[in-house]
Amino acid sequence: MARVLLIEDDQETAEEVTLELERCGHSVVCVDSGITGLAMARGAFDVLIVDRLLPGLEGLDVIKAIREEGIRTPALVVSALGRLDDRVRGLRAGGDDYLPKPFALVELVARLDAVLRRPVETRETILRFGPIEIDLLARSATRAGRGLDLQSRELDLLEYFVKRPGRIITRSMLLQDVWGYRFEPRSNVVDVHMSKLRRKVDAVNEVPLIRNVRGQGYRLDEYR
C-alpha cells in the first residue's frame, strides 16, 4: 500500500482516480489547488499525482518548489497538455513520469507502480537528525542505535519533524499534512500521538529532542 497525494481540481477525475487507487489498496488524500497541494506535498507521502493546470499554483511549480526544498517524493504528472515539449517540460521540472489526459485508469495505476519501483538509489530512503535515523523503506527508526517501537502514525510524525528540525510545528500543520484533514476536529488526537512519540523517542536519561512549545505546538530541537 502506498500513501498517495492526488492534486487534481477536476472533481470527476479526482473521484475516479481515488476510487481506483483505493480499490488497488492504496491510501489517497486529494486536494484541489496548487497552493494546498504544495503544503500537503511536504508531508509523509510515498508518491504524488499532480495535475498541471491547477488554481492558485501551476502543478509544475509545485514540483519545482518541493525539489528545491530537497523533497524527493516521486511525482507523476497528469495533464491535458500532452505535446512532446509539454512532456519534456514536466520531466525537467522534477516529475518522474508524465501521463497525458485523457488516460485509462489501468495505465495510471501501472505508471504509478512503475514510479514506486524505481531503484532506491534514486530516492531518499534514509533520514538522519542527530542520533535519530529513519529508514523510509523498512518503515523503522532508531535513536543512537536503540530501536524505536513506533506505530505507523508515530513514524509519520517523526519523519515530519526530522524534515523540519528547529521549526515550530503547530497542531493545525500536523492535522493537515500528516492526517490529511481539511478541518480541525474537536479532539486531542495530535496531543495523544505526540505524547506517545515523545515517550518513545526521549527515554529516561536521554537529552530531550521533541519539545512542547507552550501555546504554539512542538519543535524538534537542533541537536548539539
Protein backbone atom coordinates (compact mmCIF):
# COMPACT_ATOMS: atom_id res chain seq x y z
CA MET A 1 0.00 0.00 0.00
CA ALA A 2 1.29 3.46 -0.92
CA ARG A 3 0.30 6.78 0.60
CA VAL A 4 -0.76 8.87 -2.41
CA LEU A 5 -1.30 12.63 -2.57
CA LEU A 6 -3.57 13.46 -5.53
CA ILE A 7 -3.51 17.14 -6.56
CA GLU A 8 -6.37 17.43 -9.05
CA ASP A 9 -9.02 20.15 -9.40
CA ASP A 10 -11.39 18.27 -11.72
CA GLN A 11 -13.83 16.65 -9.32
CA GLU A 12 -14.91 13.84 -11.65
CA THR A 13 -11.31 12.85 -12.45
CA ALA A 14 -10.33 13.07 -8.78
CA GLU A 15 -13.17 10.80 -7.72
CA GLU A 16 -12.44 8.22 -10.42
CA VAL A 17 -8.72 8.11 -9.67
CA THR A 18 -9.30 7.96 -5.91
CA LEU A 19 -11.75 5.07 -6.19
CA GLU A 20 -9.44 3.11 -8.50
CA LEU A 21 -6.34 3.61 -6.32
CA GLU A 22 -8.23 2.71 -3.16
CA ARG A 23 -9.55 -0.41 -4.93
CA CYS A 24 -5.91 -1.32 -5.57
CA GLY A 25 -5.16 -0.96 -1.87
CA HIS A 26 -3.58 2.49 -1.79
CA SER A 27 -4.40 5.28 0.65
CA VAL A 28 -5.33 8.54 -1.10
CA VAL A 29 -5.55 12.15 0.07
CA CYS A 30 -6.95 14.53 -2.55
CA VAL A 31 -6.66 18.32 -2.74
CA ASP A 32 -7.88 20.62 -5.49
CA SER A 33 -5.46 23.57 -5.61
CA GLY A 34 -1.76 24.08 -6.19
CA ILE A 35 -1.22 26.12 -3.02
CA THR A 36 -2.83 23.49 -0.80
CA GLY A 37 -1.05 20.79 -2.77
CA LEU A 38 2.35 22.35 -2.12
CA ALA A 39 1.69 22.45 1.63
CA MET A 40 0.48 18.85 1.64
CA ALA A 41 3.37 17.62 -0.53
CA ARG A 42 5.72 18.43 2.34
CA GLY A 43 4.03 15.72 4.38
CA ALA A 44 4.54 11.97 4.60
CA PHE A 45 3.52 10.56 1.22
CA ASP A 46 5.05 7.82 -0.92
CA VAL A 47 4.07 9.32 -4.27
CA LEU A 48 2.37 12.40 -5.75
CA ILE A 49 -0.04 12.60 -8.68
CA VAL A 50 -0.03 16.21 -9.87
CA ASP A 51 -2.27 17.84 -12.47
CA ARG A 52 -0.56 20.70 -14.33
CA LEU A 53 -3.41 23.17 -14.68
CA LEU A 54 -4.33 23.96 -11.09
CA PRO A 55 -5.87 27.04 -9.46
CA GLY A 56 -3.52 29.11 -7.33
CA LEU A 57 -0.24 27.49 -8.38
CA GLU A 58 0.66 25.52 -11.50
CA GLY A 59 1.38 21.84 -10.94
CA LEU A 60 4.94 22.01 -12.27
CA ASP A 61 5.67 24.91 -9.92
CA VAL A 62 4.53 22.70 -7.04
CA ILE A 63 7.03 20.04 -8.08
CA LYS A 64 9.84 22.57 -8.62
CA ALA A 65 9.24 24.03 -5.17
CA ILE A 66 9.45 20.73 -3.30
CA ARG A 67 12.52 19.66 -5.29
CA GLU A 68 14.25 22.92 -4.29
CA GLU A 69 13.44 22.06 -0.67
CA GLY A 70 15.11 18.67 -1.09
CA ILE A 71 11.89 16.64 -1.05
CA ARG A 72 12.36 13.65 -3.37
CA THR A 73 8.87 12.13 -3.21
CA PRO A 74 8.21 10.60 -6.67
CA ALA A 75 5.76 12.63 -8.76
CA LEU A 76 3.57 11.51 -11.66
CA VAL A 77 2.35 14.48 -13.73
CA VAL A 78 -1.04 14.23 -15.46
CA SER A 79 -2.21 16.88 -17.89
CA ALA A 80 -4.33 17.69 -20.93
CA LEU A 81 -1.15 19.30 -22.27
CA GLY A 82 0.28 16.27 -23.99
CA ARG A 83 2.63 17.54 -26.71
CA LEU A 84 6.26 16.43 -26.71
CA ASP A 85 7.56 19.75 -25.40
CA ASP A 86 4.93 19.68 -22.63
CA ARG A 87 6.07 16.23 -21.53
CA VAL A 88 9.73 17.24 -21.63
CA ARG A 89 8.98 20.33 -19.56
CA GLY A 90 7.18 18.22 -16.98
CA LEU A 91 10.11 15.85 -16.59
CA ARG A 92 12.66 18.66 -16.43
CA ALA A 93 10.61 20.33 -13.69
CA GLY A 94 11.22 17.29 -11.49
CA GLY A 95 8.41 14.94 -12.48
CA ASP A 96 9.25 11.24 -12.57
CA ASP A 97 6.71 10.42 -15.29
CA TYR A 98 4.15 12.26 -17.43
CA LEU A 99 0.73 10.92 -18.43
CA PRO A 100 -1.38 12.94 -20.92
CA LYS A 101 -5.15 13.24 -20.42
CA PRO A 102 -7.46 11.55 -21.15
CA PHE A 103 -5.94 8.37 -19.77
CA ALA A 104 -7.12 4.89 -18.89
CA LEU A 105 -7.14 4.20 -15.17
CA VAL A 106 -5.31 0.92 -15.71
CA GLU A 107 -2.41 2.84 -17.31
CA LEU A 108 -2.36 5.36 -14.47
CA VAL A 109 -2.05 2.54 -11.94
CA ALA A 110 0.67 0.82 -14.00
CA ARG A 111 2.70 4.03 -14.28
CA LEU A 112 2.25 4.72 -10.58
CA ASP A 113 3.52 1.24 -9.74
CA ALA A 114 6.49 1.75 -12.08
CA VAL A 115 7.43 5.02 -10.38
CA LEU A 116 7.28 3.34 -6.98
CA ARG A 117 9.54 0.52 -8.25
CA ARG A 118 12.34 2.88 -9.30
CA PRO A 119 15.76 1.92 -7.85
CA VAL A 120 16.06 3.03 -4.24
CA GLU A 121 19.35 4.80 -5.05
CA THR A 122 17.34 7.47 -6.88
CA ARG A 123 15.13 8.15 -3.87
CA GLU A 124 15.85 9.42 -0.39
CA THR A 125 15.42 6.35 1.80
CA ILE A 126 17.33 7.23 4.99
CA LEU A 127 16.66 10.33 7.08
CA ARG A 128 19.07 11.35 9.85
CA PHE A 129 18.93 14.00 12.54
CA GLY A 130 21.43 13.85 15.40
CA PRO A 131 21.03 10.39 16.97
CA ILE A 132 17.77 9.69 15.07
CA GLU A 133 17.76 7.59 11.91
CA ILE A 134 14.64 6.71 9.91
CA ASP A 135 14.60 4.01 7.23
CA LEU A 136 11.72 5.03 4.98
CA LEU A 137 11.63 1.75 3.09
CA ALA A 138 11.75 -0.52 6.13
CA ARG A 139 9.40 1.87 7.99
CA SER A 140 11.61 1.77 11.08
CA ALA A 141 13.51 4.23 13.26
CA THR A 142 16.33 4.22 15.81
CA ARG A 143 17.84 6.65 18.27
CA ALA A 144 21.58 6.12 18.79
CA GLY A 145 21.12 2.53 17.68
CA ARG A 146 18.17 1.95 20.02
CA GLY A 147 15.16 0.65 18.11
CA LEU A 148 12.05 2.79 18.43
CA ASP A 149 8.86 0.73 18.56
CA LEU A 150 6.71 3.21 16.65
CA GLN A 151 3.23 2.76 15.28
CA SER A 152 2.67 3.87 11.67
CA ARG A 153 1.24 7.28 12.59
CA GLU A 154 4.04 7.90 15.11
CA LEU A 155 6.61 7.16 12.41
CA ASP A 156 4.86 9.59 10.06
CA LEU A 157 5.05 12.25 12.76
CA LEU A 158 8.73 11.63 13.45
CA GLU A 159 9.51 11.80 9.72
CA TYR A 160 7.64 15.12 9.52
CA PHE A 161 9.70 16.61 12.37
CA VAL A 162 13.05 15.26 11.15
CA LYS A 163 12.46 17.00 7.81
CA ARG A 164 11.84 20.30 9.69
CA PRO A 165 14.34 20.50 12.60
CA GLY A 166 14.17 23.63 14.71
CA ARG A 167 10.82 24.75 13.28
CA ILE A 168 7.75 25.16 15.43
CA ILE A 169 5.15 22.70 14.15
CA THR A 170 1.58 23.61 15.02
CA ARG A 171 -1.24 21.17 15.63
CA SER A 172 -3.01 22.53 12.55
CA MET A 173 0.03 21.72 10.40
CA LEU A 174 0.08 18.15 11.69
CA LEU A 175 -3.65 17.66 11.19
CA GLN A 176 -3.42 18.90 7.61
CA ASP A 177 -0.11 17.38 6.50
CA VAL A 178 0.03 14.09 8.44
CA TRP A 179 -3.65 13.25 8.99
CA GLY A 180 -4.87 14.89 5.78
CA TYR A 181 -7.69 16.79 7.50
CA ARG A 182 -9.04 19.95 5.88
CA PHE A 183 -10.72 20.94 9.11
CA GLU A 184 -9.66 20.89 12.75
CA PRO A 185 -11.60 18.23 14.65
CA ARG A 186 -12.61 18.81 18.24
CA SER A 187 -10.31 16.17 19.66
CA ASN A 188 -6.89 15.82 21.22
CA VAL A 189 -5.68 13.30 18.63
CA VAL A 190 -2.45 15.23 17.95
CA ASP A 191 -1.54 15.60 21.62
CA VAL A 192 -2.22 11.92 22.31
CA HIS A 193 0.01 10.73 19.49
CA MET A 194 2.71 13.30 20.26
CA SER A 195 2.78 12.23 23.90
CA LYS A 196 3.35 8.61 22.87
CA LEU A 197 6.01 9.61 20.35
CA ARG A 198 7.92 11.74 22.85
CA ARG A 199 7.98 8.95 25.43
CA LYS A 200 9.48 6.57 22.87
CA VAL A 201 12.00 8.97 21.34
CA ASP A 202 13.13 10.68 24.56
CA ALA A 203 13.82 7.91 27.04
CA VAL A 204 14.87 8.45 30.64
CA ASN A 205 18.37 9.99 30.94
CA GLU A 206 18.43 10.97 27.25
CA VAL A 207 18.59 14.57 26.05
CA PRO A 208 15.00 15.54 25.12
CA LEU A 209 14.72 16.25 21.41
CA ILE A 210 10.99 16.86 20.95
CA ARG A 211 9.76 19.80 22.96
CA ASN A 212 6.33 21.25 23.65
CA VAL A 213 6.32 24.95 22.74
CA ARG A 214 3.64 26.34 25.02
CA GLY A 215 0.68 27.81 23.18
CA GLN A 216 2.21 27.11 19.74
CA GLY A 217 2.90 23.43 19.14
CA TYR A 218 6.02 21.26 19.08
CA ARG A 219 9.63 21.53 17.94
CA LEU A 220 12.42 19.08 17.20
CA ASP A 221 15.36 20.88 18.81
CA GLU A 222 18.56 21.41 16.90
CA TYR A 223 20.91 18.67 18.10
CA ARG A 224 24.14 19.72 19.84
